[in-house]
């Protein structure tokens, strides 16, 4: 249960980064920063499922994460700009990736 809660918090924080970037009124979505962070937070979860590494899957992951990042940045940009510290969006995404990766280190309980 703790592992699931940590994963949810981690993914919410990772997705909050691009949204905060849009809410700050920034014209640059920084997709080249946020997409690899999302991938880094997701890789430990996917790696435990015996998925074979391939260039096609990695390219699809980058494209999907980039599209999600651009979509969240766009949605955040629709609102009125807010005063947000410049490091807050990237910091939230990195904190989320670290929490999600750490949650994958927790062992499953055997009943």
C-alpha atoms as a PDB file:
ATOM      1  CA  UNK A   1       0.000   0.000   0.000  1.00  0.00           C
ATOM      2  CA  UNK A   2       2.833   2.389   0.857  1.00  0.00           C
ATOM      3  CA  UNK A   3       4.484   1.585  -2.463  1.00  0.00           C
ATOM      4  CA  UNK A   4       1.330   2.452  -4.400  1.00  0.00           C
ATOM      5  CA  UNK A   5       0.880   5.744  -2.537  1.00  0.00           C
ATOM      6  CA  UNK A   6       4.499   6.709  -3.234  1.00  0.00           C
ATOM      7  CA  UNK A   7       4.112   5.847  -6.925  1.00  0.00           C
ATOM      8  CA  UNK A   8       0.976   7.979  -7.223  1.00  0.00           C
ATOM      9  CA  UNK A   9       2.641  10.914  -5.465  1.00  0.00           C
ATOM     10  CA  UNK A  10       5.715  10.537  -7.667  1.00  0.00           C
ATOM     11  CA  UNK A  11       3.749  10.498 -10.914  1.00  0.00           C
ATOM     12  CA  UNK A  12       1.562  13.419  -9.846  1.00  0.00           C
ATOM     13  CA  UNK A  13       4.681  15.465  -9.063  1.00  0.00           C
ATOM     14  CA  UNK A  14       6.295  14.496 -12.368  1.00  0.00           C
ATOM     15  CA  UNK A  15       3.203  15.598 -14.260  1.00  0.00           C
ATOM     16  CA  UNK A  16       2.896  18.773 -12.179  1.00  0.00           C
ATOM     17  CA  UNK A  17       6.240  20.016 -13.515  1.00  0.00           C
ATOM     18  CA  UNK A  18       5.105  20.780 -17.082  1.00  0.00           C
ATOM     19  CA  UNK A  19       1.785  22.101 -15.788  1.00  0.00           C
ATOM     20  CA  UNK A  20       3.627  24.527 -13.483  1.00  0.00           C
ATOM     21  CA  UNK A  21       5.822  25.538 -16.424  1.00  0.00           C
ATOM     22  CA  UNK A  22       2.687  26.531 -18.345  1.00  0.00           C
ATOM     23  CA  UNK A  23       1.134  28.247 -15.339  1.00  0.00           C
ATOM     24  CA  UNK A  24       4.242  30.388 -14.931  1.00  0.00           C
ATOM     25  CA  UNK A  25       3.550  31.901 -18.343  1.00  0.00           C
ATOM     26  CA  UNK A  26       6.780  30.587 -19.847  1.00  0.00           C
ATOM     27  CA  UNK A  27       6.939  30.547 -23.633  1.00  0.00           C
ATOM     28  CA  UNK A  28       9.359  27.595 -23.535  1.00  0.00           C
ATOM     29  CA  UNK A  29       7.770  24.242 -22.618  1.00  0.00           C
ATOM     30  CA  UNK A  30      11.175  22.679 -21.768  1.00  0.00           C
ATOM     31  CA  UNK A  31       9.955  19.360 -23.186  1.00  0.00           C
ATOM     32  CA  UNK A  32      13.593  18.352 -23.658  1.00  0.00           C
ATOM     33  CA  UNK A  33      13.972  18.501 -19.871  1.00  0.00           C
ATOM     34  CA  UNK A  34      10.648  17.082 -18.692  1.00  0.00           C
ATOM     35  CA  UNK A  35      10.314  14.122 -21.103  1.00  0.00           C
ATOM     36  CA  UNK A  36      13.564  12.423 -19.954  1.00  0.00           C
ATOM     37  CA  UNK A  37      12.594  13.044 -16.332  1.00  0.00           C
ATOM     38  CA  UNK A  38       9.259  11.288 -16.924  1.00  0.00           C
ATOM     39  CA  UNK A  39      11.077   8.412 -18.602  1.00  0.00           C
ATOM     40  CA  UNK A  40      13.605   8.160 -15.784  1.00  0.00           C
ATOM     41  CA  UNK A  41      10.798   7.886 -13.246  1.00  0.00           C
ATOM     42  CA  UNK A  42       8.983   5.267 -15.322  1.00  0.00           C
ATOM     43  CA  UNK A  43      11.880   3.005 -16.272  1.00  0.00           C
ATOM     44  CA  UNK A  44      12.174   1.222 -12.880  1.00  0.00           C
ATOM     45  CA  UNK A  45       8.473   0.353 -13.007  1.00  0.00           C
ATOM     46  CA  UNK A  46       8.653  -0.945 -16.577  1.00  0.00           C
ATOM     47  CA  UNK A  47      11.947  -2.787 -16.026  1.00  0.00           C
ATOM     48  CA  UNK A  48      10.321  -5.156 -13.554  1.00  0.00           C
ATOM     49  CA  UNK A  49       7.933  -6.428 -16.235  1.00  0.00           C
ATOM     50  CA  UNK A  50      10.543  -8.212 -18.392  1.00  0.00           C
ATOM     51  CA  UNK A  51      10.187  -5.863 -21.343  1.00  0.00           C
ATOM     52  CA  UNK A  52      13.009  -6.326 -23.827  1.00  0.00           C
ATOM     53  CA  UNK A  53      14.918  -3.107 -24.544  1.00  0.00           C
ATOM     54  CA  UNK A  54      14.654  -1.917 -28.115  1.00  0.00           C
ATOM     55  CA  UNK A  55      15.193   1.339 -29.953  1.00  0.00           C
ATOM     56  CA  UNK A  56      11.572   1.362 -31.161  1.00  0.00           C
ATOM     57  CA  UNK A  57      10.130   1.158 -27.653  1.00  0.00           C
ATOM     58  CA  UNK A  58      12.508   3.879 -26.416  1.00  0.00           C
ATOM     59  CA  UNK A  59      11.577   6.161 -29.329  1.00  0.00           C
ATOM     60  CA  UNK A  60       7.872   5.585 -28.676  1.00  0.00           C
ATOM     61  CA  UNK A  61       8.387   6.347 -24.980  1.00  0.00           C
ATOM     62  CA  UNK A  62      10.151   9.609 -25.754  1.00  0.00           C
ATOM     63  CA  UNK A  63       7.433  10.653 -28.212  1.00  0.00           C
ATOM     64  CA  UNK A  64       4.623   9.787 -25.792  1.00  0.00           C
ATOM     65  CA  UNK A  65       6.294  11.564 -22.864  1.00  0.00           C
ATOM     66  CA  UNK A  66       7.022  14.579 -25.074  1.00  0.00           C
ATOM     67  CA  UNK A  67       3.384  14.742 -26.176  1.00  0.00           C
ATOM     68  CA  UNK A  68       2.170  14.510 -22.569  1.00  0.00           C
ATOM     69  CA  UNK A  69       4.598  17.252 -21.516  1.00  0.00           C
ATOM     70  CA  UNK A  70       3.552  19.568 -24.341  1.00  0.00           C
ATOM     71  CA  UNK A  71      -0.123  18.932 -23.606  1.00  0.00           C
ATOM     72  CA  UNK A  72       0.243  19.755 -19.913  1.00  0.00           C
ATOM     73  CA  UNK A  73       2.317  22.838 -20.703  1.00  0.00           C
ATOM     74  CA  UNK A  74      -0.390  23.988 -23.128  1.00  0.00           C
ATOM     75  CA  UNK A  75      -3.152  23.419 -20.560  1.00  0.00           C
ATOM     76  CA  UNK A  76      -1.186  25.384 -17.968  1.00  0.00           C
ATOM     77  CA  UNK A  77      -0.651  28.178 -20.462  1.00  0.00           C
ATOM     78  CA  UNK A  78      -4.396  28.611 -20.959  1.00  0.00           C
ATOM     79  CA  UNK A  79      -4.721  30.001 -17.427  1.00  0.00           C
ATOM     80  CA  UNK A  80      -3.544  33.426 -16.366  1.00  0.00           C
ATOM     81  CA  UNK A  81       0.203  33.495 -15.595  1.00  0.00           C
ATOM     82  CA  UNK A  82       1.168  33.071 -11.947  1.00  0.00           C
ATOM     83  CA  UNK A  83       4.281  34.025 -10.036  1.00  0.00           C
ATOM     84  CA  UNK A  84       6.132  30.699  -9.783  1.00  0.00           C
ATOM     85  CA  UNK A  85       9.812  30.314  -8.967  1.00  0.00           C
ATOM     86  CA  UNK A  86      11.782  29.355 -12.088  1.00  0.00           C
ATOM     87  CA  UNK A  87      13.182  26.205 -10.477  1.00  0.00           C
ATOM     88  CA  UNK A  88       9.827  24.969  -9.130  1.00  0.00           C
ATOM     89  CA  UNK A  89       8.605  23.123 -12.268  1.00  0.00           C
ATOM     90  CA  UNK A  90      11.852  21.222 -12.818  1.00  0.00           C
ATOM     91  CA  UNK A  91      12.256  20.639  -9.086  1.00  0.00           C
ATOM     92  CA  UNK A  92       8.770  19.150  -8.817  1.00  0.00           C
ATOM     93  CA  UNK A  93       9.401  16.823 -11.763  1.00  0.00           C
ATOM     94  CA  UNK A  94      12.769  15.675 -10.408  1.00  0.00           C
ATOM     95  CA  UNK A  95      11.317  15.114  -6.927  1.00  0.00           C
ATOM     96  CA  UNK A  96       8.525  13.048  -8.484  1.00  0.00           C
ATOM     97  CA  UNK A  97      10.993  10.929 -10.454  1.00  0.00           C
ATOM     98  CA  UNK A  98      13.063  10.294  -7.332  1.00  0.00           C
ATOM     99  CA  UNK A  99       9.995   9.330  -5.297  1.00  0.00           C
ATOM    100  CA  UNK A 100       8.715   7.006  -8.033  1.00  0.00           C
ATOM    101  CA  UNK A 101      12.126   5.373  -8.409  1.00  0.00           C
ATOM    102  CA  UNK A 102      12.470   4.982  -4.642  1.00  0.00           C
ATOM    103  CA  UNK A 103       9.016   3.410  -4.420  1.00  0.00           C
ATOM    104  CA  UNK A 104      10.190   0.696  -6.798  1.00  0.00           C
ATOM    105  CA  UNK A 105      12.976  -0.182  -4.373  1.00  0.00           C
ATOM    106  CA  UNK A 106      10.470  -1.176  -1.706  1.00  0.00           C
ATOM    107  CA  UNK A 107       9.946  -4.907  -1.449  1.00  0.00           C
ATOM    108  CA  UNK A 108       6.597  -6.531  -1.928  1.00  0.00           C
ATOM    109  CA  UNK A 109       5.050  -8.120   1.149  1.00  0.00           C
ATOM    110  CA  UNK A 110       4.396 -11.796   0.887  1.00  0.00           C
ATOM    111  CA  UNK A 111       1.151 -12.826   2.532  1.00  0.00           C
END
